[in-house]
Amino acid sequence: ADLEAAVVGLQEDAEDPGLDLRRAEAVRAALGRLGGAEAAVRVRCVAGGSEAARTGRRAELKVLRRLQLPKPVLFEAGSCELPLEARLAIKVTARCLRETPALRAFIEGCR
């Protein structure tokens, strides 16, 4: 399994929209300067949203383990209903997550 990292930026409710992602990108840029471009390429930036508490002004680095479904989950146009044929593959992934409590999932989609 490939290992990657994600920098999750967070912001307070009162801060400018998008600051969470910009914080994550600043951390990735620093990783590139200090660890080389190869390190930064394997880091994803994620907008983590906002929190009311002052602890929202931060970025967290998460190590990701890539779990690959047997094939992509394809949806009908305009739908977010999970197709029947995808449920078995997702059931296997759910079992992996259940058996490894320390493992956290990051689900990526595209438009």
N, C-alpha and C. Protein backbone atom coordinates (compact mmCIF):
# COMPACT_ATOMS: atom_id res chain seq x y z
N ALA A 1 0.84 -1.18 0.00
CA ALA A 1 0.00 0.00 0.00
C ALA A 1 0.88 1.24 0.00
N ASP A 2 0.49 2.20 -0.81
CA ASP A 2 1.23 3.45 -0.88
C ASP A 2 0.93 4.29 0.36
N LEU A 3 1.95 4.97 0.85
CA LEU A 3 1.75 5.91 1.95
C LEU A 3 1.82 7.32 1.40
N GLU A 4 0.89 8.12 1.81
CA GLU A 4 0.86 9.53 1.47
C GLU A 4 0.57 10.29 2.74
N ALA A 5 0.58 11.60 2.64
CA ALA A 5 0.24 12.43 3.79
C ALA A 5 -0.78 13.47 3.36
N ALA A 6 -1.55 13.92 4.31
CA ALA A 6 -2.49 15.02 4.07
C ALA A 6 -2.27 16.06 5.14
N VAL A 7 -2.26 17.31 4.74
CA VAL A 7 -2.24 18.41 5.68
C VAL A 7 -3.65 18.96 5.72
N VAL A 8 -4.26 18.90 6.90
CA VAL A 8 -5.62 19.39 7.08
C VAL A 8 -5.54 20.74 7.77
N GLY A 9 -5.94 21.78 7.06
CA GLY A 9 -5.95 23.12 7.63
C GLY A 9 -7.28 23.40 8.29
N LEU A 10 -7.24 24.11 9.40
CA LEU A 10 -8.45 24.48 10.13
C LEU A 10 -8.46 25.97 10.38
N GLN A 11 -9.62 26.51 10.61
CA GLN A 11 -9.75 27.94 10.89
C GLN A 11 -10.87 28.16 11.89
N GLU A 12 -10.88 29.35 12.47
CA GLU A 12 -11.97 29.72 13.37
C GLU A 12 -13.15 30.21 12.54
N ASP A 13 -14.34 30.15 13.13
CA ASP A 13 -15.55 30.59 12.43
C ASP A 13 -15.44 32.02 11.91
N ALA A 14 -14.81 32.90 12.68
CA ALA A 14 -14.76 34.32 12.34
C ALA A 14 -13.69 34.67 11.30
N GLU A 15 -12.84 33.73 10.94
CA GLU A 15 -11.76 34.01 10.00
C GLU A 15 -12.25 33.97 8.55
N ASP A 16 -11.45 34.54 7.66
CA ASP A 16 -11.81 34.59 6.24
C ASP A 16 -12.01 33.20 5.66
N PRO A 17 -13.05 33.01 4.85
CA PRO A 17 -13.26 31.72 4.19
C PRO A 17 -12.05 31.34 3.34
N GLY A 18 -11.70 30.08 3.37
CA GLY A 18 -10.57 29.59 2.59
C GLY A 18 -9.24 29.61 3.32
N LEU A 19 -9.21 30.22 4.50
CA LEU A 19 -7.95 30.28 5.25
C LEU A 19 -7.50 28.88 5.67
N ASP A 20 -8.45 27.97 5.89
CA ASP A 20 -8.09 26.60 6.26
C ASP A 20 -7.24 25.94 5.18
N LEU A 21 -7.65 26.07 3.93
CA LEU A 21 -6.89 25.48 2.83
C LEU A 21 -5.55 26.20 2.64
N ARG A 22 -5.53 27.51 2.77
CA ARG A 22 -4.27 28.25 2.63
C ARG A 22 -3.27 27.85 3.70
N ARG A 23 -3.74 27.56 4.91
CA ARG A 23 -2.84 27.09 5.98
C ARG A 23 -2.25 25.73 5.61
N ALA A 24 -3.09 24.85 5.09
CA ALA A 24 -2.59 23.53 4.67
C ALA A 24 -1.55 23.68 3.56
N GLU A 25 -1.81 24.56 2.60
CA GLU A 25 -0.87 24.78 1.50
C GLU A 25 0.45 25.37 1.99
N ALA A 26 0.40 26.22 3.02
CA ALA A 26 1.63 26.78 3.59
C ALA A 26 2.49 25.70 4.22
N VAL A 27 1.85 24.74 4.88
CA VAL A 27 2.61 23.63 5.48
C VAL A 27 3.22 22.76 4.39
N ARG A 28 2.45 22.48 3.32
CA ARG A 28 3.00 21.67 2.22
C ARG A 28 4.17 22.38 1.55
N ALA A 29 4.08 23.69 1.38
CA ALA A 29 5.18 24.45 0.77
C ALA A 29 6.43 24.35 1.64
N ALA A 30 6.27 24.44 2.95
CA ALA A 30 7.42 24.32 3.87
C ALA A 30 8.01 22.92 3.79
N LEU A 31 7.16 21.90 3.68
CA LEU A 31 7.68 20.53 3.52
C LEU A 31 8.51 20.42 2.25
N GLY A 32 8.07 21.06 1.18
CA GLY A 32 8.81 21.04 -0.08
C GLY A 32 10.15 21.73 0.04
N ARG A 33 10.18 22.87 0.75
CA ARG A 33 11.45 23.59 0.92
C ARG A 33 12.42 22.80 1.80
N LEU A 34 11.90 22.17 2.83
CA LEU A 34 12.78 21.47 3.79
C LEU A 34 13.06 20.02 3.43
N GLY A 35 12.11 19.37 2.77
CA GLY A 35 12.27 17.95 2.47
C GLY A 35 12.42 17.64 1.00
N GLY A 36 12.35 18.64 0.16
CA GLY A 36 12.50 18.42 -1.27
C GLY A 36 11.15 18.28 -1.95
N ALA A 37 11.16 18.54 -3.24
CA ALA A 37 9.92 18.50 -4.03
C ALA A 37 9.25 17.13 -3.98
N GLU A 38 10.05 16.06 -3.89
CA GLU A 38 9.49 14.70 -3.86
C GLU A 38 8.60 14.51 -2.64
N ALA A 39 8.97 15.13 -1.53
CA ALA A 39 8.16 15.01 -0.31
C ALA A 39 6.85 15.76 -0.47
N ALA A 40 6.88 16.95 -1.02
CA ALA A 40 5.68 17.77 -1.15
C ALA A 40 4.68 17.18 -2.14
N VAL A 41 5.17 16.49 -3.16
CA VAL A 41 4.28 15.91 -4.17
C VAL A 41 3.34 14.87 -3.54
N ARG A 42 3.79 14.19 -2.51
CA ARG A 42 2.98 13.14 -1.88
C ARG A 42 2.07 13.66 -0.77
N VAL A 43 1.98 14.98 -0.64
CA VAL A 43 1.16 15.58 0.41
C VAL A 43 -0.06 16.25 -0.21
N ARG A 44 -1.23 15.89 0.26
CA ARG A 44 -2.48 16.51 -0.19
C ARG A 44 -2.86 17.60 0.79
N CYS A 45 -3.47 18.63 0.30
CA CYS A 45 -3.98 19.70 1.16
C CYS A 45 -5.49 19.57 1.24
N VAL A 46 -6.01 19.65 2.46
CA VAL A 46 -7.44 19.48 2.69
C VAL A 46 -7.95 20.65 3.51
N ALA A 47 -9.07 21.22 3.07
CA ALA A 47 -9.74 22.26 3.85
C ALA A 47 -10.57 21.56 4.92
N GLY A 48 -10.18 21.73 6.17
CA GLY A 48 -10.86 21.04 7.26
C GLY A 48 -12.04 21.78 7.84
N GLY A 49 -12.28 23.00 7.37
CA GLY A 49 -13.43 23.75 7.85
C GLY A 49 -13.10 24.60 9.06
N SER A 50 -14.14 25.00 9.75
CA SER A 50 -13.95 25.94 10.85
C SER A 50 -14.44 25.36 12.17
N GLU A 51 -13.90 25.91 13.23
CA GLU A 51 -14.29 25.58 14.59
C GLU A 51 -14.50 26.88 15.34
N ALA A 52 -15.38 26.87 16.32
CA ALA A 52 -15.65 28.08 17.10
C ALA A 52 -14.50 28.41 18.05
N ALA A 53 -13.81 27.38 18.54
CA ALA A 53 -12.76 27.59 19.55
C ALA A 53 -11.48 28.13 18.92
N ARG A 54 -10.64 28.75 19.75
CA ARG A 54 -9.37 29.29 19.28
C ARG A 54 -8.43 28.20 18.79
N THR A 55 -8.72 26.96 19.11
CA THR A 55 -7.87 25.86 18.65
C THR A 55 -8.03 25.61 17.16
N GLY A 56 -8.95 26.32 16.51
CA GLY A 56 -9.17 26.14 15.08
C GLY A 56 -8.07 26.70 14.21
N ARG A 57 -7.19 27.51 14.76
CA ARG A 57 -6.10 28.12 13.96
C ARG A 57 -4.91 27.17 13.91
N ARG A 58 -5.03 26.11 13.11
CA ARG A 58 -3.95 25.13 13.07
C ARG A 58 -4.00 24.32 11.77
N ALA A 59 -2.98 23.54 11.58
CA ALA A 59 -2.93 22.56 10.50
C ALA A 59 -2.41 21.27 11.11
N GLU A 60 -2.96 20.15 10.68
CA GLU A 60 -2.55 18.84 11.18
C GLU A 60 -2.04 18.00 10.02
N LEU A 61 -0.97 17.26 10.27
CA LEU A 61 -0.41 16.37 9.27
C LEU A 61 -0.90 14.96 9.56
N LYS A 62 -1.51 14.34 8.57
CA LYS A 62 -2.05 12.99 8.70
C LYS A 62 -1.34 12.07 7.71
N VAL A 63 -0.94 10.90 8.15
CA VAL A 63 -0.37 9.90 7.26
C VAL A 63 -1.51 9.06 6.72
N LEU A 64 -1.52 8.89 5.40
CA LEU A 64 -2.59 8.15 4.75
C LEU A 64 -2.07 6.84 4.18
N ARG A 65 -2.87 5.83 4.30
CA ARG A 65 -2.59 4.55 3.65
C ARG A 65 -3.65 4.37 2.58
N ARG A 66 -3.22 4.21 1.37
CA ARG A 66 -4.17 4.13 0.26
C ARG A 66 -4.85 2.76 0.25
N LEU A 67 -6.16 2.79 0.36
CA LEU A 67 -6.98 1.59 0.20
C LEU A 67 -7.66 1.71 -1.15
N GLN A 68 -7.54 0.71 -1.95
CA GLN A 68 -8.07 0.78 -3.31
C GLN A 68 -9.28 -0.14 -3.42
N LEU A 69 -10.40 0.41 -3.84
CA LEU A 69 -11.55 -0.42 -4.16
C LEU A 69 -11.26 -1.18 -5.44
N PRO A 70 -11.87 -2.35 -5.63
CA PRO A 70 -11.61 -3.12 -6.85
C PRO A 70 -11.87 -2.33 -8.14
N LYS A 71 -12.87 -1.45 -8.10
CA LYS A 71 -13.13 -0.57 -9.23
C LYS A 71 -13.81 0.68 -8.69
N PRO A 72 -13.76 1.78 -9.44
CA PRO A 72 -14.37 3.03 -8.94
C PRO A 72 -15.86 2.87 -8.70
N VAL A 73 -16.38 3.63 -7.77
CA VAL A 73 -17.82 3.68 -7.51
C VAL A 73 -18.39 4.73 -8.46
N LEU A 74 -19.22 4.29 -9.39
CA LEU A 74 -19.81 5.18 -10.37
C LEU A 74 -21.27 5.44 -10.00
N PHE A 75 -21.65 6.71 -10.01
CA PHE A 75 -23.00 7.11 -9.65
C PHE A 75 -23.78 7.50 -10.90
N GLU A 76 -25.09 7.41 -10.83
CA GLU A 76 -25.95 7.92 -11.89
C GLU A 76 -25.82 9.45 -11.90
N ALA A 77 -26.02 10.06 -13.04
CA ALA A 77 -25.95 11.51 -13.15
C ALA A 77 -26.94 12.17 -12.19
N GLY A 78 -26.46 13.14 -11.43
CA GLY A 78 -27.30 13.88 -10.50
C GLY A 78 -27.68 13.13 -9.24
N SER A 79 -27.08 11.97 -8.99
CA SER A 79 -27.45 11.14 -7.85
C SER A 79 -26.28 10.94 -6.90
N CYS A 80 -26.59 10.77 -5.62
CA CYS A 80 -25.57 10.37 -4.65
C CYS A 80 -25.97 9.04 -4.01
N GLU A 81 -26.92 8.35 -4.62
CA GLU A 81 -27.36 7.03 -4.16
C GLU A 81 -26.30 5.99 -4.51
N LEU A 82 -25.89 5.23 -3.51
CA LEU A 82 -24.84 4.23 -3.71
C LEU A 82 -25.36 3.09 -4.59
N PRO A 83 -24.68 2.79 -5.71
CA PRO A 83 -25.12 1.71 -6.58
C PRO A 83 -24.99 0.34 -5.89
N LEU A 84 -25.88 -0.56 -6.23
CA LEU A 84 -25.89 -1.90 -5.61
C LEU A 84 -24.56 -2.62 -5.81
N GLU A 85 -23.99 -2.53 -7.03
CA GLU A 85 -22.74 -3.27 -7.31
C GLU A 85 -21.55 -2.75 -6.51
N ALA A 86 -21.64 -1.54 -5.98
CA ALA A 86 -20.53 -0.97 -5.21
C ALA A 86 -20.57 -1.40 -3.74
N ARG A 87 -21.70 -1.86 -3.28
CA ARG A 87 -21.85 -2.17 -1.85
C ARG A 87 -20.93 -3.28 -1.36
N LEU A 88 -20.69 -4.30 -2.16
CA LEU A 88 -19.80 -5.39 -1.74
C LEU A 88 -18.38 -4.89 -1.55
N ALA A 89 -17.89 -4.10 -2.49
CA ALA A 89 -16.53 -3.57 -2.38
C ALA A 89 -16.41 -2.67 -1.16
N ILE A 90 -17.41 -1.87 -0.92
CA ILE A 90 -17.38 -0.97 0.23
C ILE A 90 -17.48 -1.76 1.53
N LYS A 91 -18.20 -2.87 1.50
CA LYS A 91 -18.31 -3.73 2.69
C LYS A 91 -16.93 -4.27 3.08
N VAL A 92 -16.12 -4.65 2.10
CA VAL A 92 -14.76 -5.14 2.38
C VAL A 92 -13.91 -4.03 2.99
N THR A 93 -14.02 -2.83 2.46
CA THR A 93 -13.27 -1.70 3.00
C THR A 93 -13.74 -1.38 4.42
N ALA A 94 -15.03 -1.44 4.66
CA ALA A 94 -15.58 -1.19 5.99
C ALA A 94 -15.04 -2.19 7.00
N ARG A 95 -14.90 -3.44 6.59
CA ARG A 95 -14.34 -4.47 7.48
C ARG A 95 -12.90 -4.15 7.83
N CYS A 96 -12.12 -3.69 6.84
CA CYS A 96 -10.73 -3.30 7.09
C CYS A 96 -10.67 -2.16 8.11
N LEU A 97 -11.54 -1.18 7.96
CA LEU A 97 -11.57 -0.06 8.90
C LEU A 97 -11.99 -0.52 10.30
N ARG A 98 -12.95 -1.42 10.36
CA ARG A 98 -13.43 -1.94 11.64
C ARG A 98 -12.33 -2.74 12.35
N GLU A 99 -11.56 -3.50 11.60
CA GLU A 99 -10.51 -4.34 12.18
C GLU A 99 -9.26 -3.54 12.56
N THR A 100 -9.14 -2.32 12.06
CA THR A 100 -7.98 -1.47 12.35
C THR A 100 -8.49 -0.14 12.91
N PRO A 101 -8.83 -0.09 14.21
CA PRO A 101 -9.45 1.11 14.77
C PRO A 101 -8.60 2.39 14.63
N ALA A 102 -7.30 2.26 14.58
CA ALA A 102 -6.45 3.45 14.47
C ALA A 102 -6.46 4.04 13.06
N LEU A 103 -6.94 3.27 12.10
CA LEU A 103 -6.96 3.72 10.70
C LEU A 103 -8.14 4.66 10.49
N ARG A 104 -7.87 5.80 9.87
CA ARG A 104 -8.90 6.78 9.54
C ARG A 104 -9.01 6.85 8.03
N ALA A 105 -10.19 7.13 7.52
CA ALA A 105 -10.40 7.14 6.08
C ALA A 105 -10.53 8.55 5.54
N PHE A 106 -10.01 8.76 4.36
CA PHE A 106 -10.16 10.00 3.61
C PHE A 106 -10.72 9.57 2.27
N ILE A 107 -11.92 9.99 1.97
CA ILE A 107 -12.59 9.56 0.74
C ILE A 107 -12.50 10.69 -0.26
N GLU A 108 -12.01 10.34 -1.43
CA GLU A 108 -11.81 11.35 -2.47
C GLU A 108 -12.78 11.12 -3.59
N GLY A 109 -13.40 12.17 -4.04
CA GLY A 109 -14.31 12.10 -5.18
C GLY A 109 -13.92 13.14 -6.20
N CYS A 110 -14.56 13.10 -7.33
CA CYS A 110 -14.30 14.11 -8.34
C CYS A 110 -15.62 14.49 -8.99
N ARG A 111 -15.60 15.66 -9.61
CA ARG A 111 -16.82 16.16 -10.27
C ARG A 111 -16.83 15.80 -11.71
